[in-house]
């Protein structure tokens, strides 16, 4: 893995430090000798669990959050905390909630940073969802943003307020939009696929002809660390991926290889998969039973979304330390422990 030295060990504030990506980032930064202050809801619990991190308790991130204690003496801020994308129908009609936490909460943080004299840069972890969820064309930093989910809209709104507020201040900003992130402890569709492959059940996904980009969490935290202090990352937005695109059947074959199992793929027509998704929606709506085969999940298994992540390579000299196969191998081994 590449090493990025952060000179003089400045204090780095990480919001969302207890989340999936946040835990990986904090561990990575600690190995580089960085001083970390983490934001969490229960500082007593995490202070006992990870005393090497200075914890600050903030019960809720929103338009009224008081950031004064958390920002005191900090030189860099990595803003990961967000109301995460919900699966299936749980995400419907939650515009106000997403906007309150992800957009208004970020606005409040940016305003607090702008009032300081000691914070060099805010690095905001956005999402490819701020651009779109599906695309037959390769997405780049120049692609017009047309978010098609409430979550994606809130992330784009957060990007906008960061630029508006910090462009008028001494503090700098960098935005990173990762594609779907996987790795040890990952939630969502990737975790479900890992479990299904491990069980060895036949999967009706053999007829899917799509292309998707992914990013291993080890690659993402490496990119975040690089961009946090790099002069060429100033006031720029980058897409981050493993740099390899695969179809859903190819992904399952790689996972099956890591499991030492044959890839059990049934070529069910895509239209049948869509009907299964609608049936899953109905079960969840009427009975409250999440099946994992709702329209949201099916759409992401059959849809395409590839990105061109060469800008961060060309401008910052960053390269993914792990290949897709290596990242999936680490992820699968974690499932076995």
Protein backbone atom coordinates (compact mmCIF):
# COMPACT_ATOMS: atom_id res chain seq x y z
CA UNK A 1 0.00 0.00 0.00
CA UNK A 2 1.29 3.45 -0.81
CA UNK A 3 2.41 5.71 2.01
CA UNK A 4 1.36 9.33 2.29
CA UNK A 5 3.22 11.25 4.98
CA UNK A 6 1.25 13.99 6.69
CA UNK A 7 3.90 16.36 7.98
CA UNK A 8 4.19 17.32 11.65
CA UNK A 9 1.24 15.05 12.53
CA UNK A 10 -1.52 17.68 12.40
CA UNK A 11 -4.78 16.90 14.13
CA UNK A 12 -7.35 15.42 11.72
CA UNK A 13 -11.06 15.45 12.53
CA UNK A 14 -13.00 12.52 11.07
CA UNK A 15 -16.78 12.68 11.16
CA UNK A 16 -18.50 9.31 10.75
CA UNK A 17 -15.41 7.74 12.31
CA UNK A 18 -17.37 4.76 13.63
CA UNK A 19 -18.91 3.85 10.28
CA UNK A 20 -17.73 1.28 7.74
CA UNK A 21 -15.44 3.64 5.84
CA UNK A 22 -14.60 5.74 8.89
CA UNK A 23 -13.17 2.81 10.84
CA UNK A 24 -10.95 1.80 7.93
CA UNK A 25 -9.79 5.39 7.41
CA UNK A 26 -8.94 5.97 11.06
CA UNK A 27 -6.94 2.74 11.27
CA UNK A 28 -5.06 3.68 8.11
CA UNK A 29 -4.28 7.20 9.30
CA UNK A 30 -3.07 5.88 12.65
CA UNK A 31 -0.57 3.61 10.90
CA UNK A 32 0.84 6.76 9.28
CA UNK A 33 1.36 8.40 12.68
CA UNK A 34 -1.51 10.85 12.32
CA UNK A 35 -3.39 12.28 15.29
CA UNK A 36 -7.10 11.55 14.97
CA UNK A 37 -10.14 13.10 16.60
CA UNK A 38 -13.28 11.13 15.87
CA UNK A 39 -16.87 12.30 16.01
CA UNK A 40 -19.32 9.82 17.51
CA UNK A 41 -22.60 9.64 19.40
CA UNK A 42 -21.20 7.80 22.43
CA UNK A 43 -17.70 9.03 23.26
CA UNK A 44 -17.43 6.94 26.45
CA UNK A 45 -17.89 3.63 24.62
CA UNK A 46 -15.43 4.42 21.84
CA UNK A 47 -12.90 6.02 24.19
CA UNK A 48 -12.70 2.68 25.98
CA UNK A 49 -12.54 0.69 22.75
CA UNK A 50 -10.05 2.86 20.83
CA UNK A 51 -8.10 5.08 23.27
CA UNK A 52 -5.59 5.97 20.53
CA UNK A 53 -8.30 8.20 19.02
CA UNK A 54 -9.51 11.38 20.71
CA UNK A 55 -13.30 11.19 20.70
CA UNK A 56 -15.81 14.03 20.66
CA UNK A 57 -19.48 13.31 21.24
CA UNK A 58 -21.97 14.93 18.88
CA UNK A 59 -25.47 13.45 19.26
CA UNK A 60 -26.81 14.62 15.91
CA UNK A 61 -25.48 16.21 12.74
CA UNK A 62 -27.85 18.82 11.37
CA UNK A 63 -28.40 22.54 10.91
CA UNK A 64 -28.01 23.28 14.66
CA UNK A 65 -24.91 21.21 15.45
CA UNK A 66 -22.29 22.93 17.59
CA UNK A 67 -18.89 22.14 16.05
CA UNK A 68 -16.72 24.38 18.24
CA UNK A 69 -15.27 21.66 20.47
CA UNK A 70 -14.75 19.20 17.61
CA UNK A 71 -12.94 21.76 15.42
CA UNK A 72 -10.71 23.21 18.14
CA UNK A 73 -7.05 22.87 17.09
CA UNK A 74 -7.86 20.83 13.98
CA UNK A 75 -5.95 21.35 10.73
CA UNK A 76 -7.82 18.93 8.45
CA UNK A 77 -11.41 17.69 8.41
CA UNK A 78 -12.63 14.53 6.67
CA UNK A 79 -16.42 14.63 6.54
CA UNK A 80 -17.80 11.10 6.16
CA UNK A 81 -20.87 11.28 8.39
CA UNK A 82 -24.14 11.09 6.50
CA UNK A 83 -27.58 9.58 6.52
CA UNK A 84 -26.75 6.54 4.43
CA UNK A 85 -28.66 5.36 1.39
CA UNK A 86 -31.51 3.10 2.47
CA UNK A 87 -32.39 -0.07 0.60
CA UNK A 88 -35.71 -0.59 -1.17
CA UNK A 89 -38.83 1.26 -0.13
CA UNK A 90 -37.20 2.45 3.10
CA UNK A 91 -35.61 5.25 1.06
CA UNK A 92 -38.91 6.55 -0.34
CA UNK A 93 -40.24 9.90 0.86
CA UNK A 94 -37.24 10.74 3.01
CA UNK A 95 -36.11 13.86 1.19
CA UNK A 96 -36.37 16.07 4.28
CA UNK A 97 -34.34 13.62 6.40
CA UNK A 98 -31.60 13.26 3.80
CA UNK A 99 -31.43 17.02 3.29
CA UNK A 100 -31.36 17.79 7.02
CA UNK A 101 -28.37 15.56 7.75
CA UNK A 102 -26.46 15.44 4.49
CA UNK A 103 -27.01 18.93 3.11
CA UNK A 104 -27.97 21.22 6.01
CA UNK A 105 -25.65 19.37 8.38
CA UNK A 106 -22.77 19.80 5.96
CA UNK A 107 -23.69 23.46 5.48
CA UNK A 108 -23.44 23.99 9.23
CA UNK A 109 -20.03 22.28 9.34
CA UNK A 110 -18.71 24.32 6.38
CA UNK A 111 -19.84 27.56 8.03
CA UNK A 112 -18.08 26.58 11.27
CA UNK A 113 -14.88 25.76 9.34
CA UNK A 114 -15.06 29.07 7.45
CA UNK A 115 -15.03 30.98 10.74
CA UNK A 116 -11.74 29.39 11.84
CA UNK A 117 -8.21 30.44 10.96
CA UNK A 118 -6.51 27.07 11.48
CA UNK A 119 -8.29 24.58 9.23
CA UNK A 120 -6.44 24.01 5.97
CA UNK A 121 -8.87 21.75 4.15
CA UNK A 122 -12.23 20.01 4.34
CA UNK A 123 -12.32 16.74 2.41
CA UNK A 124 -15.90 15.73 1.75
CA UNK A 125 -16.78 12.16 0.86
CA UNK A 126 -19.70 12.50 -1.50
CA UNK A 127 -21.03 9.72 -3.74
CA UNK A 128 -21.31 8.80 -7.39
CA UNK A 129 -25.03 9.05 -6.60
CA UNK A 130 -24.58 12.84 -6.72
CA UNK A 131 -24.14 12.37 -10.47
CA UNK A 132 -26.44 9.43 -11.26
CA UNK A 133 -27.15 5.82 -10.29
CA UNK A 134 -27.08 4.28 -13.77
CA UNK A 135 -25.44 5.17 -17.05
CA UNK A 136 -24.71 3.47 -20.33
CA UNK A 137 -21.99 6.07 -20.89
CA UNK A 138 -18.80 6.28 -18.86
CA UNK A 139 -19.16 8.88 -16.10
CA UNK A 140 -16.37 11.41 -15.46
CA UNK A 141 -15.93 14.61 -13.47
CA UNK A 142 -17.33 16.48 -16.49
CA UNK A 143 -20.59 14.50 -16.59
CA UNK A 144 -23.64 16.62 -15.84
CA UNK A 145 -25.03 15.84 -12.38
CA UNK A 146 -28.54 14.39 -12.57
CA UNK A 147 -29.04 12.54 -9.26
CA UNK A 148 -32.05 10.21 -9.43
CA UNK A 149 -32.40 9.38 -5.72
CA UNK A 150 -33.18 11.50 -2.68
CA UNK A 151 -29.85 10.44 -1.21
CA UNK A 152 -27.94 11.51 -4.34
CA UNK A 153 -29.75 14.84 -4.40
CA UNK A 154 -28.77 15.51 -0.79
CA UNK A 155 -25.13 14.68 -1.53
CA UNK A 156 -25.06 17.04 -4.51
CA UNK A 157 -26.64 19.75 -2.36
CA UNK A 158 -23.90 19.19 0.22
CA UNK A 159 -21.22 19.59 -2.47
CA UNK A 160 -22.80 22.85 -3.56
CA UNK A 161 -22.90 24.39 -0.07
CA UNK A 162 -19.27 23.41 0.58
CA UNK A 163 -18.16 25.26 -2.55
CA UNK A 164 -20.40 28.25 -1.84
CA UNK A 165 -19.26 28.67 1.75
CA UNK A 166 -15.58 27.74 1.58
CA UNK A 167 -14.82 29.54 -1.70
CA UNK A 168 -15.27 32.73 0.33
CA UNK A 169 -12.97 31.60 3.14
CA UNK A 170 -9.32 30.77 3.77
CA UNK A 171 -10.14 27.08 4.17
CA UNK A 172 -9.72 24.78 1.20
CA UNK A 173 -11.93 21.90 0.04
CA UNK A 174 -11.72 18.66 -1.91
CA UNK A 175 -14.62 16.40 -2.89
CA UNK A 176 -14.35 12.68 -3.59
CA UNK A 177 -17.17 10.73 -5.22
CA UNK A 178 -16.62 6.99 -4.77
CA UNK A 179 -18.56 4.31 -6.60
CA UNK A 180 -19.97 1.37 -4.61
CA UNK A 181 -17.52 0.68 -1.78
CA UNK A 182 -16.79 -2.87 -0.64
CA UNK A 183 -14.45 -4.40 1.89
CA UNK A 184 -14.39 -6.06 5.32
CA UNK A 185 -17.56 -5.12 7.15
CA UNK A 186 -19.31 -3.73 4.07
CA UNK A 187 -23.09 -3.37 4.16
CA UNK A 188 -25.58 -3.62 1.31
CA UNK A 189 -25.72 -5.63 -1.90
CA UNK A 190 -22.08 -6.71 -1.90
CA UNK A 191 -22.44 -8.26 1.55
CA UNK A 192 -25.54 -10.12 0.35
CA UNK A 193 -23.76 -11.44 -2.72
CA UNK A 194 -20.85 -12.62 -0.58
CA UNK A 195 -23.19 -14.58 1.67
CA UNK A 196 -25.10 -16.11 -1.23
CA UNK A 197 -21.89 -17.18 -2.98
CA UNK A 198 -20.55 -18.65 0.26
CA UNK A 199 -23.75 -20.67 0.73
CA UNK A 200 -23.42 -21.96 -2.81
CA UNK A 201 -26.99 -21.24 -3.89
CA UNK A 202 -27.66 -20.97 -7.63
CA UNK A 203 -28.12 -17.31 -8.56
CA UNK A 204 -30.50 -16.29 -11.39
CA UNK A 205 -28.11 -13.63 -12.68
CA UNK A 206 -26.42 -15.37 -15.61
CA UNK A 207 -28.18 -13.36 -18.34
CA UNK A 208 -27.13 -9.93 -17.08
CA UNK A 209 -24.97 -7.98 -19.51
CA UNK A 210 -23.89 -4.86 -17.68
CA UNK A 211 -20.71 -3.06 -16.59
CA UNK A 212 -20.07 -1.62 -13.15
CA UNK A 213 -17.21 0.09 -11.34
CA UNK A 214 -16.41 -0.65 -7.71
CA UNK A 215 -13.88 0.58 -5.18
CA UNK A 216 -12.21 -1.45 -2.43
CA UNK A 217 -12.26 0.40 0.90
CA UNK A 218 -8.47 0.02 1.10
CA UNK A 219 -8.15 1.90 -2.18
CA UNK A 220 -10.64 4.55 -1.09
CA UNK A 221 -8.96 5.41 2.21
CA UNK A 222 -5.61 5.53 0.41
CA UNK A 223 -7.07 8.03 -2.07
CA UNK A 224 -8.65 10.10 0.71
CA UNK A 225 -5.33 10.29 2.56
CA UNK A 226 -3.52 11.32 -0.61
CA UNK A 227 -6.07 14.01 -1.51
CA UNK A 228 -6.30 15.37 2.03
CA UNK A 229 -3.00 17.26 1.81
CA UNK A 230 -2.01 17.23 -1.85
CA UNK A 231 -1.71 20.78 -3.27
CA UNK A 232 -3.21 19.70 -6.61
CA UNK A 233 -6.39 18.51 -4.90
CA UNK A 234 -7.28 22.08 -3.98
CA UNK A 235 -10.93 22.89 -4.79
CA UNK A 236 -11.34 19.88 -7.05
CA UNK A 237 -13.72 16.94 -7.33
CA UNK A 238 -12.51 13.42 -8.08
CA UNK A 239 -14.18 10.12 -8.93
CA UNK A 240 -12.54 7.10 -7.29
CA UNK A 241 -12.75 3.44 -8.34
CA UNK A 242 -10.57 0.33 -8.58
CA UNK A 243 -10.07 1.15 -12.25
CA UNK A 244 -11.60 -2.18 -13.35
CA UNK A 245 -15.12 -2.68 -14.65
CA UNK A 246 -16.98 -5.99 -14.51
CA UNK A 247 -20.44 -7.38 -15.15
CA UNK A 248 -22.49 -8.86 -12.33
CA UNK A 249 -21.84 -12.44 -13.58
CA UNK A 250 -18.10 -11.70 -13.75
CA UNK A 251 -18.20 -10.35 -10.21
CA UNK A 252 -19.89 -13.52 -8.98
CA UNK A 253 -17.32 -15.67 -10.77
CA UNK A 254 -14.50 -13.81 -9.03
CA UNK A 255 -16.22 -14.19 -5.66
CA UNK A 256 -16.83 -17.89 -6.31
CA UNK A 257 -13.16 -18.35 -7.17
CA UNK A 258 -12.18 -16.76 -3.86
CA UNK A 259 -14.57 -19.15 -2.09
CA UNK A 260 -13.17 -22.16 -3.93
CA UNK A 261 -16.64 -22.90 -5.26
CA UNK A 262 -18.07 -23.16 -8.78
CA UNK A 263 -20.02 -20.15 -9.99
CA UNK A 264 -23.67 -21.24 -9.91
CA UNK A 265 -25.36 -18.91 -12.37
CA UNK A 266 -28.79 -19.47 -13.91
CA UNK A 267 -29.58 -17.45 -17.07
CA UNK A 268 -32.94 -16.01 -15.97
CA UNK A 269 -34.20 -13.30 -18.37
CA UNK A 270 -33.72 -9.77 -17.09
CA UNK A 271 -37.46 -9.05 -17.40
CA UNK A 272 -38.13 -11.91 -14.99
CA UNK A 273 -35.65 -10.41 -12.54
CA UNK A 274 -37.54 -7.12 -12.69
CA UNK A 275 -40.79 -8.96 -11.89
CA UNK A 276 -39.06 -10.59 -8.91
CA UNK A 277 -38.03 -7.14 -7.75
CA UNK A 278 -41.62 -5.88 -7.91
CA UNK A 279 -42.77 -8.92 -5.96
CA UNK A 280 -40.12 -8.16 -3.35
CA UNK A 281 -41.40 -4.59 -3.15
CA UNK A 282 -44.92 -5.85 -2.49
CA UNK A 283 -43.81 -8.23 0.27
CA UNK A 284 -41.85 -5.48 1.98
CA UNK A 285 -44.65 -2.95 1.67
CA UNK A 286 -47.47 -5.23 2.87
CA UNK A 287 -45.72 -7.55 5.30
CA UNK A 288 -42.67 -5.48 6.20
CA UNK A 289 -40.42 -8.34 5.12
CA UNK A 290 -37.19 -7.24 3.39
CA UNK A 291 -36.34 -9.93 0.84
CA UNK A 292 -33.11 -8.50 -0.56
CA UNK A 293 -34.68 -8.97 -4.00
CA UNK A 294 -36.60 -5.69 -4.21
CA UNK A 295 -36.55 -3.39 -7.25
CA UNK A 296 -33.79 -1.26 -5.76
CA UNK A 297 -31.47 -4.24 -5.36
CA UNK A 298 -32.39 -5.78 -8.72
CA UNK A 299 -31.83 -2.50 -10.56
CA UNK A 300 -28.31 -2.30 -9.14
CA UNK A 301 -27.57 -5.86 -10.15
CA UNK A 302 -28.71 -5.41 -13.75
CA UNK A 303 -27.87 -1.74 -14.38
CA UNK A 304 -24.58 -0.30 -15.63
CA UNK A 305 -22.48 2.42 -14.04
CA UNK A 306 -18.83 2.80 -14.97
CA UNK A 307 -16.58 5.75 -14.18
CA UNK A 308 -13.39 7.21 -15.52
CA UNK A 309 -11.25 7.70 -12.41
CA UNK A 310 -8.05 8.70 -14.19
CA UNK A 311 -8.24 12.37 -13.10
CA UNK A 312 -7.03 11.61 -9.57
CA UNK A 313 -4.29 9.42 -11.06
CA UNK A 314 -3.13 12.10 -13.47
CA UNK A 315 -3.42 15.08 -11.13
CA UNK A 316 -2.35 13.58 -7.79
CA UNK A 317 -0.22 10.66 -8.91
CA UNK A 318 -2.45 8.26 -7.00
CA UNK A 319 -2.82 4.62 -8.05
CA UNK A 320 -5.11 1.98 -6.48
CA UNK A 321 -2.90 -0.18 -4.21
CA UNK A 322 -5.25 -3.16 -4.63
CA UNK A 323 -6.71 -4.79 -7.72
CA UNK A 324 -10.38 -5.74 -7.77
CA UNK A 325 -9.50 -9.42 -7.27
CA UNK A 326 -7.21 -8.59 -4.34
CA UNK A 327 -9.86 -6.42 -2.71
CA UNK A 328 -12.53 -9.09 -3.10
CA UNK A 329 -10.13 -11.68 -1.68
CA UNK A 330 -9.58 -9.61 1.46
CA UNK A 331 -13.32 -8.99 1.75
CA UNK A 332 -14.23 -12.65 1.35
CA UNK A 333 -11.65 -13.79 3.88
CA UNK A 334 -13.14 -11.37 6.40
CA UNK A 335 -16.54 -13.06 5.88
CA UNK A 336 -15.01 -16.38 6.86
CA UNK A 337 -13.66 -15.16 10.22
